[in-house]
């Protein structure tokens, strides 16, 4: 469970501060698809960076297992507890599918399990003959599936996804978000997806919208 208590966030904009979030109180549940939506520039990605410990200049508290994340070692917290899925995939293009996953596992001190890796990739629609291919030659949808497998296989408690379907066509977007939803239900992880994609929003178990510097639960 992630809890946000009385969080306010602003950033310098010229000679004044631009306030994006003001006195926000919200919690994100584990084992379901939490989706955060809102207009462009409202603070969705900024909040994700706060949740991931990249941004610490805010008022209020973000609690993970009832501990303020700013009391934790930021690098260690991200390495051991948080996996990210990005719109641009953030894979090593010159490495194979398996080597991308091995690198992520090594960084997070997670033991490589060849059978589990194979089963996860196949479940996500990556064929076995693609495992040794450089990810740069895969399609966008296939690269995003590898990125999702990487996030799941590191066995981290929290998955933060920033517009994970933003570079995908409609059909692939629909397939990816349904897979993400099914997998988070099975694994019990805490997943927070930032998106304005109607396909993603329609699949949300809990939908949150940033409006008027607040976060409202709208489903």
N, C-alpha and C. Protein backbone atom coordinates (compact mmCIF):
# COMPACT_ATOMS: atom_id res chain seq x y z
N UNK A 1 0.84 -1.20 0.00
CA UNK A 1 0.00 0.00 0.00
C UNK A 1 0.88 1.24 0.00
N UNK A 2 0.53 2.19 -0.84
CA UNK A 2 1.17 3.50 -0.85
C UNK A 2 0.14 4.52 -0.40
N UNK A 3 0.52 5.34 0.58
CA UNK A 3 -0.36 6.38 1.09
C UNK A 3 0.29 7.75 0.89
N UNK A 4 -0.51 8.69 0.44
CA UNK A 4 -0.07 10.08 0.29
C UNK A 4 -0.83 10.91 1.30
N UNK A 5 -0.09 11.65 2.12
CA UNK A 5 -0.72 12.44 3.18
C UNK A 5 -0.32 13.91 3.06
N UNK A 6 -1.34 14.76 2.82
CA UNK A 6 -1.15 16.22 2.79
C UNK A 6 -0.02 16.65 1.87
N UNK A 7 0.05 16.03 0.70
CA UNK A 7 1.14 16.33 -0.22
C UNK A 7 0.84 17.57 -1.06
N UNK A 8 1.82 18.48 -1.10
CA UNK A 8 1.77 19.64 -1.99
C UNK A 8 3.07 19.66 -2.79
N UNK A 9 2.94 19.94 -4.08
CA UNK A 9 4.13 19.96 -4.93
C UNK A 9 4.08 21.17 -5.86
N UNK A 10 5.22 21.86 -5.96
CA UNK A 10 5.34 23.00 -6.85
C UNK A 10 6.74 23.01 -7.43
N UNK A 11 6.91 23.68 -8.57
CA UNK A 11 8.24 23.77 -9.14
C UNK A 11 8.48 25.19 -9.65
N UNK A 12 9.75 25.63 -9.69
CA UNK A 12 10.05 27.00 -10.14
C UNK A 12 9.66 27.20 -11.60
N UNK A 13 8.95 28.29 -11.86
CA UNK A 13 8.54 28.64 -13.22
C UNK A 13 8.83 30.13 -13.39
N UNK A 14 10.02 30.44 -13.88
CA UNK A 14 10.45 31.83 -13.95
C UNK A 14 10.75 32.36 -12.56
N UNK A 15 10.12 33.46 -12.18
CA UNK A 15 10.38 34.05 -10.86
C UNK A 15 9.31 33.69 -9.83
N UNK A 16 8.52 32.66 -10.11
CA UNK A 16 7.52 32.23 -9.13
C UNK A 16 7.41 30.71 -9.15
N UNK A 17 6.66 30.17 -8.20
CA UNK A 17 6.44 28.73 -8.11
C UNK A 17 5.10 28.38 -8.76
N UNK A 18 5.12 27.33 -9.55
CA UNK A 18 3.87 26.83 -10.13
C UNK A 18 3.41 25.64 -9.31
N UNK A 19 2.27 25.78 -8.68
CA UNK A 19 1.73 24.72 -7.82
C UNK A 19 0.94 23.73 -8.68
N UNK A 20 1.32 22.45 -8.60
CA UNK A 20 0.62 21.41 -9.33
C UNK A 20 -0.33 20.62 -8.43
N UNK A 21 0.10 20.35 -7.20
CA UNK A 21 -0.69 19.55 -6.27
C UNK A 21 -0.76 20.28 -4.93
N UNK A 22 -1.92 20.27 -4.29
CA UNK A 22 -2.11 20.99 -3.04
C UNK A 22 -2.91 20.15 -2.06
N UNK A 23 -2.27 19.81 -0.93
CA UNK A 23 -2.92 19.08 0.17
C UNK A 23 -3.64 17.82 -0.32
N UNK A 24 -2.91 16.98 -1.03
CA UNK A 24 -3.46 15.74 -1.58
C UNK A 24 -3.40 14.62 -0.54
N UNK A 25 -4.50 13.91 -0.39
CA UNK A 25 -4.57 12.72 0.46
C UNK A 25 -5.21 11.60 -0.34
N UNK A 26 -4.45 10.54 -0.57
CA UNK A 26 -4.97 9.43 -1.36
C UNK A 26 -4.12 8.19 -1.08
N UNK A 27 -4.69 7.01 -1.29
CA UNK A 27 -3.93 5.77 -1.15
C UNK A 27 -4.16 4.92 -2.39
N UNK A 28 -3.14 4.13 -2.74
CA UNK A 28 -3.20 3.24 -3.89
C UNK A 28 -3.12 1.80 -3.40
N UNK A 29 -4.08 0.98 -3.80
CA UNK A 29 -4.18 -0.39 -3.30
C UNK A 29 -3.31 -1.35 -4.09
N UNK A 30 -2.94 -2.44 -3.44
CA UNK A 30 -2.17 -3.49 -4.10
C UNK A 30 -3.11 -4.47 -4.79
N UNK A 31 -2.58 -5.16 -5.79
CA UNK A 31 -3.32 -6.23 -6.45
C UNK A 31 -4.38 -5.77 -7.43
N UNK A 32 -4.41 -4.47 -7.73
CA UNK A 32 -5.39 -3.96 -8.69
C UNK A 32 -4.70 -2.95 -9.61
N UNK A 33 -5.40 -2.58 -10.68
CA UNK A 33 -4.87 -1.59 -11.62
C UNK A 33 -5.33 -0.20 -11.20
N UNK A 34 -4.40 0.57 -10.62
CA UNK A 34 -4.66 1.96 -10.27
C UNK A 34 -4.25 2.84 -11.45
N UNK A 35 -5.17 3.63 -11.97
CA UNK A 35 -4.87 4.51 -13.10
C UNK A 35 -5.03 5.96 -12.68
N UNK A 36 -4.04 6.77 -13.03
CA UNK A 36 -4.04 8.19 -12.72
C UNK A 36 -4.13 8.97 -14.02
N UNK A 37 -5.20 9.76 -14.15
CA UNK A 37 -5.43 10.50 -15.38
C UNK A 37 -5.54 12.00 -15.08
N UNK A 38 -5.73 12.77 -16.14
CA UNK A 38 -5.84 14.23 -16.01
C UNK A 38 -5.25 14.90 -17.23
N UNK A 39 -5.54 16.18 -17.37
CA UNK A 39 -5.08 16.92 -18.55
C UNK A 39 -3.56 17.03 -18.57
N UNK A 40 -3.02 17.31 -19.73
CA UNK A 40 -1.57 17.47 -19.89
C UNK A 40 -1.07 18.61 -19.01
N UNK A 41 0.04 18.34 -18.29
CA UNK A 41 0.65 19.35 -17.45
C UNK A 41 0.05 19.50 -16.07
N UNK A 42 -0.87 18.61 -15.70
CA UNK A 42 -1.55 18.75 -14.41
C UNK A 42 -0.73 18.18 -13.25
N UNK A 43 0.34 17.43 -13.56
CA UNK A 43 1.18 16.91 -12.48
C UNK A 43 1.23 15.40 -12.37
N UNK A 44 0.71 14.69 -13.37
CA UNK A 44 0.68 13.22 -13.30
C UNK A 44 2.08 12.63 -13.21
N UNK A 45 2.94 13.02 -14.14
CA UNK A 45 4.30 12.47 -14.16
C UNK A 45 5.10 12.96 -12.97
N UNK A 46 4.89 14.21 -12.57
CA UNK A 46 5.58 14.74 -11.38
C UNK A 46 5.23 13.90 -10.15
N UNK A 47 3.97 13.53 -10.02
CA UNK A 47 3.58 12.70 -8.89
C UNK A 47 4.26 11.34 -8.96
N UNK A 48 4.36 10.78 -10.16
CA UNK A 48 5.03 9.49 -10.33
C UNK A 48 6.49 9.59 -9.88
N UNK A 49 7.15 10.70 -10.21
CA UNK A 49 8.54 10.89 -9.79
C UNK A 49 8.65 11.03 -8.28
N UNK A 50 7.66 11.65 -7.66
CA UNK A 50 7.64 11.73 -6.20
C UNK A 50 7.46 10.33 -5.59
N UNK A 51 6.54 9.55 -6.15
CA UNK A 51 6.30 8.20 -5.65
C UNK A 51 7.53 7.32 -5.81
N UNK A 52 8.28 7.55 -6.89
CA UNK A 52 9.48 6.75 -7.14
C UNK A 52 10.71 7.24 -6.41
N UNK A 53 10.59 8.32 -5.66
CA UNK A 53 11.72 8.82 -4.90
C UNK A 53 12.70 9.66 -5.70
N UNK A 54 12.38 9.95 -6.96
CA UNK A 54 13.26 10.80 -7.76
C UNK A 54 13.12 12.26 -7.37
N UNK A 55 11.90 12.65 -7.02
CA UNK A 55 11.62 14.02 -6.61
C UNK A 55 11.29 14.03 -5.11
N UNK A 56 12.06 14.80 -4.35
CA UNK A 56 11.86 14.82 -2.89
C UNK A 56 11.49 16.20 -2.36
N UNK A 57 11.45 17.21 -3.25
CA UNK A 57 11.13 18.57 -2.82
C UNK A 57 9.63 18.79 -2.86
N UNK A 58 8.94 18.25 -1.87
CA UNK A 58 7.50 18.43 -1.74
C UNK A 58 7.15 18.52 -0.27
N UNK A 59 5.98 19.05 0.01
CA UNK A 59 5.46 19.09 1.38
C UNK A 59 4.54 17.89 1.60
N UNK A 60 4.47 17.41 2.82
CA UNK A 60 3.64 16.26 3.13
C UNK A 60 4.46 14.98 3.15
N UNK A 61 3.77 13.86 3.11
CA UNK A 61 4.46 12.57 3.23
C UNK A 61 3.93 11.57 2.21
N UNK A 62 4.83 10.72 1.74
CA UNK A 62 4.47 9.55 0.94
C UNK A 62 4.94 8.33 1.73
N UNK A 63 4.00 7.47 2.07
CA UNK A 63 4.30 6.33 2.94
C UNK A 63 4.25 5.03 2.15
N UNK A 64 5.27 4.20 2.34
CA UNK A 64 5.29 2.84 1.82
C UNK A 64 5.41 1.91 3.01
N UNK A 65 4.43 1.04 3.20
CA UNK A 65 4.38 0.20 4.40
C UNK A 65 4.54 1.05 5.65
N UNK A 66 3.85 2.21 5.66
CA UNK A 66 3.77 3.14 6.79
C UNK A 66 5.07 3.86 7.11
N UNK A 67 6.05 3.75 6.21
CA UNK A 67 7.31 4.45 6.39
C UNK A 67 7.43 5.55 5.35
N UNK A 68 7.80 6.75 5.79
CA UNK A 68 8.01 7.87 4.87
C UNK A 68 9.18 7.52 3.96
N UNK A 69 8.96 7.56 2.65
CA UNK A 69 10.01 7.12 1.73
C UNK A 69 11.23 8.03 1.77
N UNK A 70 11.08 9.26 2.26
CA UNK A 70 12.24 10.15 2.36
C UNK A 70 13.15 9.77 3.53
N UNK A 71 12.67 8.86 4.38
CA UNK A 71 13.51 8.34 5.45
C UNK A 71 14.31 7.12 4.99
N UNK A 72 14.03 6.65 3.77
CA UNK A 72 14.72 5.49 3.23
C UNK A 72 15.86 5.95 2.32
N UNK A 73 16.81 5.08 2.09
CA UNK A 73 17.86 5.34 1.12
C UNK A 73 17.23 5.32 -0.27
N UNK A 74 17.24 6.47 -0.97
CA UNK A 74 16.52 6.59 -2.23
C UNK A 74 16.96 5.59 -3.27
N UNK A 75 18.27 5.43 -3.46
CA UNK A 75 18.78 4.50 -4.46
C UNK A 75 18.40 3.07 -4.11
N UNK A 76 18.53 2.73 -2.84
CA UNK A 76 18.20 1.38 -2.39
C UNK A 76 16.70 1.11 -2.54
N UNK A 77 15.90 2.12 -2.21
CA UNK A 77 14.44 1.99 -2.33
C UNK A 77 14.04 1.68 -3.76
N UNK A 78 14.59 2.43 -4.72
CA UNK A 78 14.26 2.20 -6.12
C UNK A 78 14.82 0.87 -6.62
N UNK A 79 16.02 0.53 -6.18
CA UNK A 79 16.67 -0.70 -6.65
C UNK A 79 15.94 -1.94 -6.17
N UNK A 80 15.42 -1.89 -4.95
CA UNK A 80 14.83 -3.08 -4.35
C UNK A 80 13.30 -3.12 -4.41
N UNK A 81 12.66 -1.96 -4.49
CA UNK A 81 11.21 -1.93 -4.32
C UNK A 81 10.40 -1.47 -5.52
N UNK A 82 11.02 -0.71 -6.45
CA UNK A 82 10.24 -0.07 -7.50
C UNK A 82 10.73 -0.47 -8.89
N UNK A 83 9.77 -0.84 -9.74
CA UNK A 83 10.05 -1.10 -11.15
C UNK A 83 9.29 -0.06 -11.97
N UNK A 84 9.93 0.40 -13.05
CA UNK A 84 9.32 1.41 -13.90
C UNK A 84 9.05 0.84 -15.30
N UNK A 85 7.93 1.26 -15.85
CA UNK A 85 7.61 0.97 -17.25
C UNK A 85 7.36 2.31 -17.93
N UNK A 86 8.15 2.62 -18.96
CA UNK A 86 8.09 3.92 -19.60
C UNK A 86 7.48 3.83 -20.99
N UNK A 87 7.02 4.98 -21.47
CA UNK A 87 6.45 5.07 -22.81
C UNK A 87 7.47 4.70 -23.88
N UNK A 88 8.74 5.08 -23.65
CA UNK A 88 9.78 4.81 -24.65
C UNK A 88 10.58 3.54 -24.35
N UNK A 89 10.06 2.71 -23.45
CA UNK A 89 10.54 1.36 -23.15
C UNK A 89 11.84 1.33 -22.31
N UNK A 90 12.81 2.22 -22.60
CA UNK A 90 14.07 2.28 -21.84
C UNK A 90 14.79 0.93 -21.78
N UNK A 91 14.85 0.26 -22.91
CA UNK A 91 15.61 -0.98 -23.03
C UNK A 91 16.98 -0.69 -23.65
N UNK A 92 17.91 -1.63 -23.50
CA UNK A 92 19.21 -1.53 -24.16
C UNK A 92 19.08 -2.14 -25.55
N UNK A 93 19.01 -1.29 -26.57
CA UNK A 93 18.73 -1.74 -27.92
C UNK A 93 19.73 -2.71 -28.49
N UNK A 94 20.99 -2.62 -28.04
CA UNK A 94 22.04 -3.50 -28.58
C UNK A 94 22.13 -4.83 -27.85
N UNK A 95 21.30 -5.01 -26.83
CA UNK A 95 21.30 -6.27 -26.08
C UNK A 95 20.09 -7.11 -26.46
N UNK A 96 20.20 -8.40 -26.22
CA UNK A 96 19.08 -9.29 -26.51
C UNK A 96 17.98 -9.13 -25.48
N UNK A 97 16.85 -9.75 -25.76
CA UNK A 97 15.72 -9.76 -24.83
C UNK A 97 16.17 -10.30 -23.47
N UNK A 98 16.81 -11.48 -23.47
CA UNK A 98 17.22 -12.09 -22.22
C UNK A 98 18.28 -11.27 -21.50
N UNK A 99 19.21 -10.67 -22.24
CA UNK A 99 20.26 -9.88 -21.59
C UNK A 99 19.70 -8.61 -20.97
N UNK A 100 18.67 -8.03 -21.58
CA UNK A 100 18.01 -6.89 -20.96
C UNK A 100 17.42 -7.27 -19.61
N UNK A 101 16.82 -8.44 -19.55
CA UNK A 101 16.21 -8.89 -18.31
C UNK A 101 17.28 -9.26 -17.29
N UNK A 102 18.35 -9.92 -17.73
CA UNK A 102 19.44 -10.28 -16.82
C UNK A 102 20.07 -9.04 -16.19
N UNK A 103 20.23 -7.98 -16.97
CA UNK A 103 20.81 -6.74 -16.44
C UNK A 103 19.92 -6.17 -15.33
N UNK A 104 18.62 -6.13 -15.58
CA UNK A 104 17.69 -5.60 -14.58
C UNK A 104 17.70 -6.45 -13.31
N UNK A 105 17.75 -7.76 -13.48
CA UNK A 105 17.78 -8.65 -12.31
C UNK A 105 19.06 -8.46 -11.51
N UNK A 106 20.18 -8.29 -12.19
CA UNK A 106 21.46 -8.09 -11.50
C UNK A 106 21.44 -6.80 -10.69
N UNK A 107 20.89 -5.74 -11.26
CA UNK A 107 20.83 -4.45 -10.56
C UNK A 107 19.97 -4.53 -9.31
N UNK A 108 18.89 -5.30 -9.38
CA UNK A 108 17.97 -5.40 -8.25
C UNK A 108 18.28 -6.57 -7.32
N UNK A 109 19.41 -7.24 -7.55
CA UNK A 109 19.82 -8.39 -6.73
C UNK A 109 18.78 -9.50 -6.73
N UNK A 110 18.18 -9.74 -7.89
CA UNK A 110 17.20 -10.81 -8.04
C UNK A 110 17.82 -11.96 -8.82
N UNK A 111 17.69 -13.15 -8.30
CA UNK A 111 18.27 -14.32 -8.95
C UNK A 111 17.56 -14.61 -10.27
N UNK A 112 18.35 -14.90 -11.29
CA UNK A 112 17.79 -15.24 -12.60
C UNK A 112 17.23 -16.64 -12.59
N UNK A 113 15.97 -16.78 -12.93
CA UNK A 113 15.29 -18.07 -13.02
C UNK A 113 14.90 -18.26 -14.48
N UNK A 114 15.64 -19.10 -15.20
CA UNK A 114 15.45 -19.26 -16.64
C UNK A 114 14.04 -19.73 -16.98
N UNK A 115 13.52 -20.67 -16.19
CA UNK A 115 12.19 -21.21 -16.47
C UNK A 115 11.12 -20.15 -16.26
N UNK A 116 11.21 -19.41 -15.15
CA UNK A 116 10.23 -18.36 -14.88
C UNK A 116 10.32 -17.26 -15.93
N UNK A 117 11.53 -16.91 -16.32
CA UNK A 117 11.72 -15.89 -17.35
C UNK A 117 11.08 -16.32 -18.67
N UNK A 118 11.33 -17.55 -19.05
CA UNK A 118 10.77 -18.07 -20.29
C UNK A 118 9.25 -18.08 -20.25
N UNK A 119 8.69 -18.54 -19.14
CA UNK A 119 7.23 -18.61 -19.02
C UNK A 119 6.61 -17.21 -19.05
N UNK A 120 7.25 -16.26 -18.39
CA UNK A 120 6.73 -14.89 -18.35
C UNK A 120 6.75 -14.25 -19.74
N UNK A 121 7.87 -14.40 -20.44
CA UNK A 121 7.97 -13.83 -21.79
C UNK A 121 6.93 -14.45 -22.74
N UNK A 122 6.79 -15.78 -22.66
CA UNK A 122 5.81 -16.43 -23.54
C UNK A 122 4.39 -15.98 -23.18
N UNK A 123 4.12 -15.82 -21.90
CA UNK A 123 2.80 -15.35 -21.46
C UNK A 123 2.50 -13.95 -22.03
N UNK A 124 3.55 -13.16 -22.17
CA UNK A 124 3.40 -11.81 -22.69
C UNK A 124 3.46 -11.75 -24.22
N UNK A 125 3.58 -12.90 -24.87
CA UNK A 125 3.53 -12.93 -26.32
C UNK A 125 4.86 -12.82 -27.01
N UNK A 126 5.97 -13.04 -26.28
CA UNK A 126 7.30 -13.06 -26.89
C UNK A 126 7.68 -14.51 -27.16
N UNK A 127 7.91 -14.85 -28.42
CA UNK A 127 8.23 -16.22 -28.79
C UNK A 127 9.65 -16.59 -28.36
N UNK A 128 9.86 -17.88 -28.17
CA UNK A 128 11.17 -18.34 -27.71
C UNK A 128 12.28 -18.01 -28.71
N UNK A 129 11.95 -18.02 -30.00
CA UNK A 129 12.98 -17.71 -31.00
C UNK A 129 13.36 -16.23 -31.00
N UNK A 130 12.62 -15.40 -30.24
CA UNK A 130 12.94 -13.98 -30.13
C UNK A 130 13.81 -13.66 -28.91
N UNK A 131 13.98 -14.63 -28.02
CA UNK A 131 14.69 -14.37 -26.77
C UNK A 131 16.11 -13.86 -26.99
N UNK A 132 16.77 -14.37 -28.03
CA UNK A 132 18.17 -14.01 -28.27
C UNK A 132 18.33 -12.85 -29.25
N UNK A 133 17.22 -12.30 -29.70
CA UNK A 133 17.29 -11.18 -30.65
C UNK A 133 17.54 -9.86 -29.92
N UNK A 134 18.26 -8.96 -30.59
CA UNK A 134 18.41 -7.61 -30.06
C UNK A 134 17.04 -6.94 -30.02
N UNK A 135 16.77 -6.24 -28.94
CA UNK A 135 15.44 -5.64 -28.81
C UNK A 135 15.21 -4.54 -29.84
N UNK A 136 16.28 -3.99 -30.39
CA UNK A 136 16.13 -2.90 -31.37
C UNK A 136 15.42 -3.35 -32.64
N UNK A 137 15.40 -4.66 -32.91
CA UNK A 137 14.74 -5.13 -34.12
C UNK A 137 13.31 -5.60 -33.86
N UNK A 138 12.87 -5.53 -32.61
CA UNK A 138 11.50 -5.91 -32.28
C UNK A 138 10.56 -4.74 -32.55
N UNK A 139 9.29 -5.04 -32.70
CA UNK A 139 8.29 -3.99 -32.88
C UNK A 139 8.10 -3.24 -31.56
N UNK A 140 7.42 -2.08 -31.63
CA UNK A 140 7.16 -1.31 -30.41
C UNK A 140 6.36 -2.10 -29.39
N UNK A 141 5.34 -2.83 -29.87
CA UNK A 141 4.54 -3.63 -28.95
C UNK A 141 5.35 -4.73 -28.30
N UNK A 142 6.25 -5.35 -29.07
CA UNK A 142 7.09 -6.42 -28.52
C UNK A 142 8.09 -5.85 -27.50
N UNK A 143 8.65 -4.68 -27.80
CA UNK A 143 9.57 -4.06 -26.84
C UNK A 143 8.86 -3.71 -25.53
N UNK A 144 7.63 -3.23 -25.63
CA UNK A 144 6.90 -2.92 -24.40
C UNK A 144 6.58 -4.18 -23.61
N UNK A 145 6.34 -5.29 -24.28
CA UNK A 145 6.11 -6.56 -23.59
C UNK A 145 7.37 -7.01 -22.85
N UNK A 146 8.53 -6.78 -23.47
CA UNK A 146 9.80 -7.09 -22.80
C UNK A 146 9.98 -6.20 -21.57
N UNK A 147 9.64 -4.93 -21.70
CA UNK A 147 9.76 -4.01 -20.58
C UNK A 147 8.84 -4.42 -19.43
N UNK A 148 7.66 -4.91 -19.76
CA UNK A 148 6.73 -5.38 -18.72
C UNK A 148 7.28 -6.64 -18.06
N UNK A 149 7.80 -7.57 -18.86
CA UNK A 149 8.40 -8.78 -18.30
C UNK A 149 9.55 -8.42 -17.36
N UNK A 150 10.37 -7.48 -17.77
CA UNK A 150 11.49 -7.04 -16.93
C UNK A 150 10.99 -6.51 -15.59
N UNK A 151 9.94 -5.69 -15.62
CA UNK A 151 9.39 -5.12 -14.39
C UNK A 151 8.84 -6.21 -13.47
N UNK A 152 8.18 -7.20 -14.06
CA UNK A 152 7.58 -8.28 -13.25
C UNK A 152 8.64 -9.21 -12.68
N UNK A 153 9.65 -9.53 -13.46
CA UNK A 153 10.65 -10.52 -13.04
C UNK A 153 11.60 -10.01 -11.96
N UNK A 154 11.72 -8.69 -11.81
CA UNK A 154 12.55 -8.17 -10.73
C UNK A 154 11.89 -8.36 -9.36
N UNK A 155 10.63 -8.76 -9.37
CA UNK A 155 9.90 -9.10 -8.15
C UNK A 155 9.80 -7.92 -7.17
N UNK A 156 9.72 -6.72 -7.73
CA UNK A 156 9.58 -5.54 -6.87
C UNK A 156 8.12 -5.35 -6.48
N UNK A 157 7.91 -4.69 -5.35
CA UNK A 157 6.56 -4.55 -4.81
C UNK A 157 5.72 -3.53 -5.56
N UNK A 158 6.37 -2.52 -6.15
CA UNK A 158 5.66 -1.41 -6.77
C UNK A 158 6.05 -1.30 -8.23
N UNK A 159 5.06 -1.16 -9.10
CA UNK A 159 5.32 -0.90 -10.51
C UNK A 159 4.68 0.44 -10.87
N UNK A 160 5.50 1.37 -11.36
CA UNK A 160 5.04 2.68 -11.80
C UNK A 160 5.16 2.74 -13.31
N UNK A 161 4.07 3.04 -13.99
CA UNK A 161 4.07 3.05 -15.45
C UNK A 161 3.64 4.42 -15.95
N UNK A 162 4.49 5.04 -16.76
CA UNK A 162 4.21 6.38 -17.29
C UNK A 162 3.84 6.27 -18.77
N UNK A 163 2.55 6.42 -19.06
CA UNK A 163 2.03 6.34 -20.43
C UNK A 163 2.57 5.10 -21.16
N UNK A 164 2.38 3.90 -20.59
CA UNK A 164 2.99 2.70 -21.17
C UNK A 164 2.48 2.32 -22.55
N UNK A 165 1.33 2.87 -22.96
CA UNK A 165 0.79 2.54 -24.28
C UNK A 165 0.89 3.73 -25.25
N UNK A 166 1.62 4.77 -24.84
CA UNK A 166 1.64 6.00 -25.62
C UNK A 166 2.20 5.86 -27.01
N UNK A 167 3.11 4.91 -27.23
CA UNK A 167 3.72 4.73 -28.55
C UNK A 167 3.17 3.53 -29.30
N UNK A 168 2.02 3.01 -28.85
CA UNK A 168 1.49 1.79 -29.44
C UNK A 168 0.19 2.06 -30.19
N UNK A 169 -0.09 1.21 -31.18
CA UNK A 169 -1.36 1.35 -31.90
C UNK A 169 -2.50 0.87 -31.02
N UNK A 170 -3.73 1.14 -31.45
CA UNK A 170 -4.91 0.88 -30.64
C UNK A 170 -5.03 -0.58 -30.23
N UNK A 171 -4.88 -1.49 -31.19
CA UNK A 171 -5.05 -2.92 -30.89
C UNK A 171 -3.98 -3.40 -29.91
N UNK A 172 -2.72 -3.00 -30.14
CA UNK A 172 -1.63 -3.41 -29.25
C UNK A 172 -1.82 -2.79 -27.87
N UNK A 173 -2.24 -1.53 -27.83
CA UNK A 173 -2.51 -0.86 -26.57
C UNK A 173 -3.53 -1.62 -25.74
N UNK A 174 -4.59 -2.07 -26.41
CA UNK A 174 -5.66 -2.81 -25.73
C UNK A 174 -5.11 -4.13 -25.17
N UNK A 175 -4.30 -4.82 -25.95
CA UNK A 175 -3.73 -6.09 -25.52
C UNK A 175 -2.79 -5.89 -24.32
N UNK A 176 -1.95 -4.86 -24.39
CA UNK A 176 -0.95 -4.62 -23.34
C UNK A 176 -1.63 -4.30 -22.01
N UNK A 177 -2.62 -3.42 -22.02
CA UNK A 177 -3.23 -3.03 -20.75
C UNK A 177 -4.04 -4.17 -20.14
N UNK A 178 -4.65 -5.01 -20.98
CA UNK A 178 -5.37 -6.16 -20.44
C UNK A 178 -4.39 -7.15 -19.80
N UNK A 179 -3.22 -7.32 -20.42
CA UNK A 179 -2.19 -8.18 -19.84
C UNK A 179 -1.69 -7.62 -18.51
N UNK A 180 -1.42 -6.32 -18.49
CA UNK A 180 -0.96 -5.70 -17.25
C UNK A 180 -1.98 -5.89 -16.13
N UNK A 181 -3.23 -5.70 -16.45
CA UNK A 181 -4.29 -5.84 -15.44
C UNK A 181 -4.36 -7.27 -14.91
N UNK A 182 -4.31 -8.24 -15.82
CA UNK A 182 -4.37 -9.64 -15.39
C UNK A 182 -3.17 -10.00 -14.53
N UNK A 183 -1.99 -9.54 -14.92
CA UNK A 183 -0.77 -9.90 -14.20
C UNK A 183 -0.71 -9.25 -12.82
N UNK A 184 -1.18 -8.01 -12.70
CA UNK A 184 -1.14 -7.37 -11.38
C UNK A 184 -2.17 -8.01 -10.45
N UNK A 185 -3.29 -8.48 -11.01
CA UNK A 185 -4.26 -9.21 -10.19
C UNK A 185 -3.63 -10.50 -9.66
N UNK A 186 -2.85 -11.16 -10.50
CA UNK A 186 -2.24 -12.43 -10.11
C UNK A 186 -1.09 -12.25 -9.11
N UNK A 187 -0.28 -11.23 -9.31
CA UNK A 187 0.94 -11.06 -8.51
C UNK A 187 0.72 -10.28 -7.23
N UNK A 188 -0.37 -9.50 -7.16
CA UNK A 188 -0.64 -8.72 -5.96
C UNK A 188 0.26 -7.51 -5.78
N UNK A 189 0.92 -7.08 -6.84
CA UNK A 189 1.78 -5.91 -6.74
C UNK A 189 0.95 -4.63 -6.69
N UNK A 190 1.60 -3.54 -6.25
CA UNK A 190 0.97 -2.23 -6.31
C UNK A 190 1.36 -1.59 -7.63
N UNK A 191 0.40 -1.39 -8.52
CA UNK A 191 0.68 -0.81 -9.83
C UNK A 191 -0.08 0.50 -10.00
N UNK A 192 0.67 1.53 -10.39
CA UNK A 192 0.07 2.84 -10.66
C UNK A 192 0.44 3.22 -12.09
N UNK A 193 -0.56 3.42 -12.92
CA UNK A 193 -0.36 3.73 -14.33
C UNK A 193 -0.84 5.15 -14.59
N UNK A 194 0.05 5.99 -15.09
CA UNK A 194 -0.32 7.33 -15.54
C UNK A 194 -0.69 7.25 -17.02
N UNK A 195 -1.89 7.70 -17.36
CA UNK A 195 -2.31 7.60 -18.75
C UNK A 195 -3.51 8.50 -19.04
N UNK A 196 -3.59 8.96 -20.29
CA UNK A 196 -4.81 9.62 -20.77
C UNK A 196 -5.46 8.77 -21.87
N UNK A 197 -4.92 7.56 -22.09
CA UNK A 197 -5.42 6.64 -23.12
C UNK A 197 -6.78 6.08 -22.67
N UNK A 198 -7.84 6.28 -23.47
CA UNK A 198 -9.16 5.76 -23.10
C UNK A 198 -9.17 4.25 -22.87
N UNK A 199 -8.33 3.50 -23.61
CA UNK A 199 -8.26 2.05 -23.43
C UNK A 199 -7.75 1.71 -22.04
N UNK A 200 -6.75 2.44 -21.58
CA UNK A 200 -6.20 2.21 -20.24
C UNK A 200 -7.22 2.61 -19.18
N UNK A 201 -7.81 3.78 -19.36
CA UNK A 201 -8.79 4.28 -18.39
C UNK A 201 -9.96 3.32 -18.25
N UNK A 202 -10.41 2.74 -19.36
CA UNK A 202 -11.56 1.83 -19.31
C UNK A 202 -11.27 0.56 -18.52
N UNK A 203 -9.98 0.18 -18.41
CA UNK A 203 -9.60 -1.05 -17.71
C UNK A 203 -9.28 -0.81 -16.23
N UNK A 204 -9.28 0.44 -15.78
CA UNK A 204 -8.88 0.75 -14.40
C UNK A 204 -9.81 0.09 -13.38
N UNK A 205 -9.21 -0.52 -12.36
CA UNK A 205 -10.00 -0.98 -11.21
C UNK A 205 -10.35 0.21 -10.32
N UNK A 206 -9.37 1.08 -10.14
CA UNK A 206 -9.59 2.36 -9.45
C UNK A 206 -9.03 3.45 -10.34
N UNK A 207 -9.84 4.46 -10.62
CA UNK A 207 -9.43 5.57 -11.47
C UNK A 207 -9.34 6.84 -10.65
N UNK A 208 -8.18 7.50 -10.75
CA UNK A 208 -7.95 8.76 -10.06
C UNK A 208 -7.72 9.84 -11.10
N UNK A 209 -8.26 11.03 -10.84
CA UNK A 209 -8.11 12.14 -11.77
C UNK A 209 -7.55 13.34 -11.03
N UNK A 210 -6.51 13.95 -11.61
CA UNK A 210 -5.97 15.19 -11.04
C UNK A 210 -6.76 16.35 -11.62
N UNK A 211 -7.40 17.11 -10.76
CA UNK A 211 -8.17 18.28 -11.17
C UNK A 211 -8.16 19.31 -10.06
N UNK A 212 -7.93 20.56 -10.42
CA UNK A 212 -7.90 21.61 -9.41
C UNK A 212 -6.86 21.39 -8.34
N UNK A 213 -5.71 20.82 -8.73
CA UNK A 213 -4.57 20.55 -7.83
C UNK A 213 -4.87 19.47 -6.79
N UNK A 214 -6.00 18.76 -6.98
CA UNK A 214 -6.37 17.66 -6.09
C UNK A 214 -6.41 16.36 -6.88
N UNK A 215 -6.39 15.24 -6.16
CA UNK A 215 -6.57 13.94 -6.79
C UNK A 215 -7.88 13.36 -6.31
N UNK A 216 -8.81 13.16 -7.23
CA UNK A 216 -10.12 12.65 -6.89
C UNK A 216 -10.27 11.23 -7.42
N UNK A 217 -10.85 10.35 -6.62
CA UNK A 217 -11.16 9.01 -7.12
C UNK A 217 -12.46 9.09 -7.88
N UNK A 218 -12.41 8.80 -9.17
CA UNK A 218 -13.57 8.96 -10.04
C UNK A 218 -14.18 7.64 -10.47
N UNK A 219 -13.59 6.52 -10.00
CA UNK A 219 -14.21 5.20 -10.20
C UNK A 219 -13.72 4.29 -9.09
